[in-house]
Amino acid sequence: MLPHRRTGAHLSRAQHIYAGCLLALFALVWLAAAWQPWLRGAWLLENIPVLALVAILLLSYRTLPLSRISYTALFIFLCLHEIGAHFTYSRVPYDIWWEDIFGYSLNNQMDWQRNHYDRFVHALYGVLSAYPVREVFLRVADVRGFWGYLLPVLVVMSTSLLFELFEWLVVILFAGDVGMAYLGIQGDIWDSHKDAALASLGAVGTMTLAGVIQSSLDRDFSREWNASVTVKHPQPLGEVAIERLLQDNQSTSADPDRR
């Protein structure tokens, strides 16, 4: 799970083929999920972020191709999301599938009173999206050490919050079956809080695993971690920085040779 450092121009043919195969497979999954969904309006709403993410990945492929680990994680998450979009999350018949395979009801075994597919996918959102976000931070922002693990968790938490706010907006704009099917709280007033918490825990788990692997393979892990949390600029910012900038501007104006 080390960061992928190549550029698009240097990707091997095998890596291009792998990315292309994932895209083709997801296109097939998307088309299958688009065929007679339970509620077309809810399906369309669920696919707005999907189309946005796929567009971003395609547009950034030449300049910022991700590792196979990241693409695979995103592929799995998007496929699971498409299942939820097809049935709507509260109606995914996972318990029927489970009983067909294992011969007993998972819901009865766990004493679940609701459909938990949404909880499952929210948790996996954190698990599967944290590493791709980490890879982008490491390669674009060049973050290191502690921040390379904290920032992906914060991004997962903030995007989970934005998604819950988007759901709230949808219910306001689309009252009735579409809005309620998209919201899918199933009578749980704490549904949004639990979903965001599961995504956050999933991200923490992935970053913990990434840290364990990195520390076992990278001899400079401790040094990089310690360096990332040391103070680089001891002078305060805020009003102190403003005063410093004003003084520099006055000095420059008074001494034209400094321009």
Protein backbone atom coordinates (compact mmCIF):
# COMPACT_ATOMS: atom_id res chain seq x y z
CA MET A 1 0.00 0.00 0.00
CA LEU A 2 2.91 2.33 -0.63
CA PRO A 3 2.07 5.40 -2.73
CA HIS A 4 2.19 5.00 -6.50
CA ARG A 5 4.76 7.49 -7.84
CA ARG A 6 4.65 7.09 -11.61
CA THR A 7 3.11 9.54 -14.04
CA GLY A 8 0.63 8.70 -16.74
CA ALA A 9 3.35 8.76 -19.42
CA HIS A 10 5.29 5.99 -17.66
CA LEU A 11 2.50 3.58 -16.82
CA SER A 12 3.11 0.06 -18.04
CA ARG A 13 0.85 -1.52 -20.63
CA ALA A 14 -0.42 -3.92 -17.95
CA GLN A 15 -1.48 -0.99 -15.76
CA HIS A 16 -3.35 0.65 -18.64
CA ILE A 17 -5.09 -2.64 -19.41
CA TYR A 18 -6.02 -3.13 -15.75
CA ALA A 19 -7.56 0.35 -15.50
CA GLY A 20 -9.40 -0.16 -18.77
CA CYS A 21 -10.78 -3.53 -17.65
CA LEU A 22 -12.08 -2.03 -14.40
CA LEU A 23 -13.76 0.77 -16.34
CA ALA A 24 -15.37 -1.69 -18.76
CA LEU A 25 -16.55 -3.93 -15.92
CA PHE A 26 -18.04 -1.00 -14.07
CA ALA A 27 -19.82 0.13 -17.25
CA LEU A 28 -21.46 -3.30 -17.41
CA VAL A 29 -22.45 -3.12 -13.73
CA TRP A 30 -23.82 0.39 -14.24
CA LEU A 31 -25.89 -0.67 -17.24
CA ALA A 32 -27.27 -3.67 -15.35
CA ALA A 33 -28.20 -1.47 -12.39
CA ALA A 34 -29.79 1.06 -14.72
CA TRP A 35 -32.14 -1.59 -16.13
CA GLN A 36 -35.55 -1.19 -14.50
CA PRO A 37 -34.48 0.13 -11.07
CA TRP A 38 -37.05 0.00 -8.31
CA LEU A 39 -37.52 3.79 -8.39
CA ARG A 40 -36.04 5.67 -11.36
CA GLY A 41 -35.96 9.03 -9.61
CA ALA A 42 -34.00 7.67 -6.65
CA TRP A 43 -31.64 5.86 -9.03
CA LEU A 44 -30.91 9.10 -10.87
CA LEU A 45 -30.16 10.92 -7.63
CA GLU A 46 -27.86 8.13 -6.43
CA ASN A 47 -25.89 8.31 -9.69
CA ILE A 48 -25.14 12.03 -9.60
CA PRO A 49 -22.04 11.58 -7.38
CA VAL A 50 -21.09 8.41 -9.27
CA LEU A 51 -20.96 10.17 -12.63
CA ALA A 52 -19.05 13.07 -11.07
CA LEU A 53 -16.43 10.75 -9.57
CA VAL A 54 -15.99 8.73 -12.77
CA ALA A 55 -15.60 11.95 -14.75
CA ILE A 56 -12.92 13.20 -12.35
CA LEU A 57 -11.03 9.89 -12.57
CA LEU A 58 -11.15 9.91 -16.38
CA LEU A 59 -10.09 13.55 -16.70
CA SER A 60 -7.20 13.12 -14.25
CA TYR A 61 -5.98 9.79 -15.66
CA ARG A 62 -3.21 11.26 -17.85
CA THR A 63 -1.78 13.56 -15.18
CA LEU A 64 -2.67 11.67 -12.00
CA PRO A 65 -3.20 7.96 -12.64
CA LEU A 66 -3.81 6.14 -9.39
CA SER A 67 -2.40 2.83 -8.24
CA ARG A 68 -4.19 -0.43 -8.95
CA ILE A 69 -4.97 -0.64 -5.24
CA SER A 70 -6.81 2.70 -5.37
CA TYR A 71 -8.68 1.94 -8.57
CA THR A 72 -9.71 -1.48 -7.27
CA ALA A 73 -10.98 -0.01 -3.99
CA LEU A 74 -13.03 2.62 -5.82
CA PHE A 75 -14.35 0.02 -8.26
CA ILE A 76 -15.61 -2.20 -5.43
CA PHE A 77 -17.28 0.70 -3.67
CA LEU A 78 -18.98 1.96 -6.83
CA CYS A 79 -20.29 -1.52 -7.64
CA LEU A 80 -21.76 -1.87 -4.15
CA HIS A 81 -23.28 1.59 -4.48
CA GLU A 82 -24.89 0.67 -7.80
CA ILE A 83 -26.61 -2.28 -6.12
CA GLY A 84 -28.05 0.12 -3.56
CA ALA A 85 -29.07 2.54 -6.30
CA HIS A 86 -30.86 -0.19 -8.26
CA PHE A 87 -32.99 -1.50 -5.37
CA THR A 88 -32.75 1.64 -3.19
CA TYR A 89 -30.64 1.01 -0.12
CA SER A 90 -33.49 0.11 2.20
CA ARG A 91 -34.74 -2.62 -0.18
CA VAL A 92 -31.55 -4.46 -1.15
CA PRO A 93 -32.45 -8.16 -0.62
CA TYR A 94 -29.13 -9.14 0.93
CA ASP A 95 -30.86 -11.26 3.56
CA ILE A 96 -32.54 -13.37 0.87
CA TRP A 97 -29.20 -13.81 -0.91
CA TRP A 98 -27.52 -14.74 2.37
CA GLU A 99 -30.19 -17.31 3.18
CA ASP A 100 -29.93 -18.82 -0.32
CA ILE A 101 -26.17 -19.28 0.13
CA PHE A 102 -25.84 -20.18 3.82
CA GLY A 103 -29.28 -21.56 4.62
CA TYR A 104 -30.26 -19.14 7.39
CA SER A 105 -31.39 -15.53 7.77
CA LEU A 106 -28.61 -13.12 8.69
CA ASN A 107 -31.12 -10.58 10.00
CA ASN A 108 -32.69 -13.16 12.32
CA GLN A 109 -29.29 -14.39 13.45
CA MET A 110 -28.15 -10.85 14.31
CA ASP A 111 -31.60 -9.79 15.58
CA TRP A 112 -31.70 -6.90 13.10
CA GLN A 113 -35.00 -5.09 12.71
CA ARG A 114 -34.01 -3.05 9.63
CA ASN A 115 -32.22 -3.43 6.32
CA HIS A 116 -28.54 -2.81 7.08
CA TYR A 117 -27.16 -2.62 3.55
CA ASP A 118 -26.78 1.16 3.86
CA ARG A 119 -24.76 0.73 7.07
CA PHE A 120 -22.55 -1.81 5.31
CA VAL A 121 -21.83 0.46 2.34
CA HIS A 122 -21.25 3.54 4.49
CA ALA A 123 -18.64 1.63 6.48
CA LEU A 124 -17.01 0.40 3.28
CA TYR A 125 -17.01 3.94 1.92
CA GLY A 126 -14.55 4.80 4.67
CA VAL A 127 -12.58 1.58 4.23
CA LEU A 128 -12.30 1.80 0.44
CA SER A 129 -12.00 5.54 -0.21
CA ALA A 130 -9.44 6.48 2.46
CA TYR A 131 -6.42 5.05 0.65
CA PRO A 132 -7.16 6.68 -2.74
CA VAL A 133 -7.55 9.99 -0.90
CA ARG A 134 -4.25 9.37 0.90
CA GLU A 135 -2.55 8.66 -2.41
CA VAL A 136 -3.75 11.96 -3.84
CA PHE A 137 -2.59 13.90 -0.78
CA LEU A 138 0.85 12.28 -0.88
CA ARG A 139 1.35 12.85 -4.59
CA VAL A 140 -0.26 16.27 -5.04
CA ALA A 141 0.07 18.07 -1.69
CA ASP A 142 3.24 16.14 -0.76
CA VAL A 143 2.02 15.63 2.80
CA ARG A 144 4.05 13.31 4.96
CA GLY A 145 3.96 11.51 8.28
CA PHE A 146 1.05 12.15 10.62
CA TRP A 147 -0.82 14.38 8.15
CA GLY A 148 -0.79 11.72 5.45
CA TYR A 149 -2.97 9.60 7.73
CA LEU A 150 -5.13 12.26 9.38
CA LEU A 151 -6.17 14.18 6.26
CA PRO A 152 -7.76 11.19 4.47
CA VAL A 153 -9.85 10.46 7.57
CA LEU A 154 -10.98 14.09 7.69
CA VAL A 155 -11.87 14.03 3.99
CA VAL A 156 -13.98 10.90 4.51
CA MET A 157 -15.70 12.52 7.49
CA SER A 158 -16.38 15.78 5.63
CA THR A 159 -17.64 14.09 2.46
CA SER A 160 -19.91 11.90 4.60
CA LEU A 161 -21.31 15.07 6.14
CA LEU A 162 -21.79 16.65 2.72
CA PHE A 163 -23.62 13.54 1.51
CA GLU A 164 -25.98 13.65 4.49
CA LEU A 165 -26.64 17.34 3.82
CA PHE A 166 -27.29 16.48 0.17
CA GLU A 167 -29.81 13.85 1.27
CA TRP A 168 -31.55 16.43 3.47
CA LEU A 169 -31.75 18.84 0.51
CA VAL A 170 -33.17 16.11 -1.72
CA VAL A 171 -35.95 15.36 0.77
CA ILE A 172 -36.83 19.07 0.87
CA LEU A 173 -36.90 19.34 -2.93
CA PHE A 174 -38.40 15.94 -3.73
CA ALA A 175 -41.08 15.19 -1.19
CA GLY A 176 -42.87 11.89 -1.49
CA ASP A 177 -41.63 8.48 -2.61
CA VAL A 178 -38.45 9.66 -4.35
CA GLY A 179 -37.23 11.78 -1.44
CA MET A 180 -38.01 9.23 1.25
CA ALA A 181 -36.59 6.31 -0.77
CA TYR A 182 -33.40 8.26 -1.32
CA LEU A 183 -33.15 9.20 2.36
CA GLY A 184 -33.79 5.65 3.54
CA ILE A 185 -33.66 6.29 7.30
CA GLN A 186 -36.10 3.43 7.97
CA GLY A 187 -37.49 5.13 11.06
CA ASP A 188 -34.10 5.70 12.72
CA ILE A 189 -33.74 9.34 13.80
CA TRP A 190 -29.98 8.81 14.28
CA ASP A 191 -29.48 7.30 10.82
CA SER A 192 -27.29 10.12 9.49
CA HIS A 193 -25.10 10.13 12.58
CA LYS A 194 -24.57 6.37 12.44
CA ASP A 195 -23.78 6.43 8.73
CA ALA A 196 -21.15 9.14 9.15
CA ALA A 197 -19.69 7.39 12.19
CA LEU A 198 -19.33 4.10 10.31
CA ALA A 199 -17.62 5.81 7.37
CA SER A 200 -15.23 7.55 9.77
CA LEU A 201 -14.42 4.30 11.59
CA GLY A 202 -13.83 2.60 8.26
CA ALA A 203 -11.36 5.29 7.25
CA VAL A 204 -9.56 5.07 10.60
CA GLY A 205 -9.25 1.31 10.12
CA THR A 206 -7.76 1.67 6.65
CA MET A 207 -5.31 4.35 7.74
CA THR A 208 -4.29 2.24 10.72
CA LEU A 209 -3.58 -0.69 8.41
CA ALA A 210 -1.69 1.57 5.99
CA GLY A 211 0.40 2.90 8.89
CA VAL A 212 1.25 -0.60 10.10
CA ILE A 213 2.35 -1.67 6.61
CA GLN A 214 4.28 1.55 6.01
CA SER A 215 6.08 1.35 9.35
CA SER A 216 7.11 -2.27 8.72
CA LEU A 217 8.56 -1.50 5.27
CA ASP A 218 9.88 2.06 5.59
CA ARG A 219 12.96 2.51 7.78
CA ASP A 220 12.40 6.28 7.79
CA PHE A 221 8.83 6.01 9.05
CA SER A 222 9.54 7.25 12.60
CA ARG A 223 11.78 10.08 11.41
CA GLU A 224 9.22 11.23 8.85
CA TRP A 225 6.41 10.99 11.39
CA ASN A 226 8.32 13.04 13.98
CA ALA A 227 9.35 15.62 11.39
CA SER A 228 5.73 16.06 10.30
CA VAL A 229 4.64 17.21 13.77
CA THR A 230 7.54 19.54 14.54
CA VAL A 231 7.08 23.32 14.27
CA LYS A 232 8.58 24.61 11.00
CA HIS A 233 7.73 28.31 11.38
CA PRO A 234 7.95 29.51 15.01
CA GLN A 235 6.52 32.98 14.28
CA PRO A 236 2.73 33.29 14.81
CA LEU A 237 0.50 34.11 11.86
CA GLY A 238 -2.76 36.10 12.02
CA GLU A 239 -2.22 39.71 13.06
CA VAL A 240 1.55 39.10 13.48
CA ALA A 241 1.86 37.98 9.87
CA ILE A 242 -0.25 40.94 8.68
CA GLU A 243 2.01 43.38 10.54
CA ARG A 244 5.06 41.71 9.06
CA LEU A 245 3.65 41.99 5.53
CA LEU A 246 2.74 45.65 6.07
CA GLN A 247 6.27 46.39 7.28
CA ASP A 248 7.75 44.61 4.27
CA ASN A 249 5.50 46.61 1.93
CA GLN A 250 6.48 49.90 3.61
CA SER A 251 10.16 48.99 3.41
CA THR A 252 9.81 48.15 -0.28
CA SER A 253 8.01 51.44 -0.99
CA ALA A 254 10.68 53.41 0.87
CA ASP A 255 13.54 51.65 -0.90
CA PRO A 256 12.81 51.24 -4.65
CA ASP A 257 16.05 49.28 -5.10
CA ARG A 258 14.47 46.36 -3.15
CA ARG A 259 11.80 45.89 -5.83
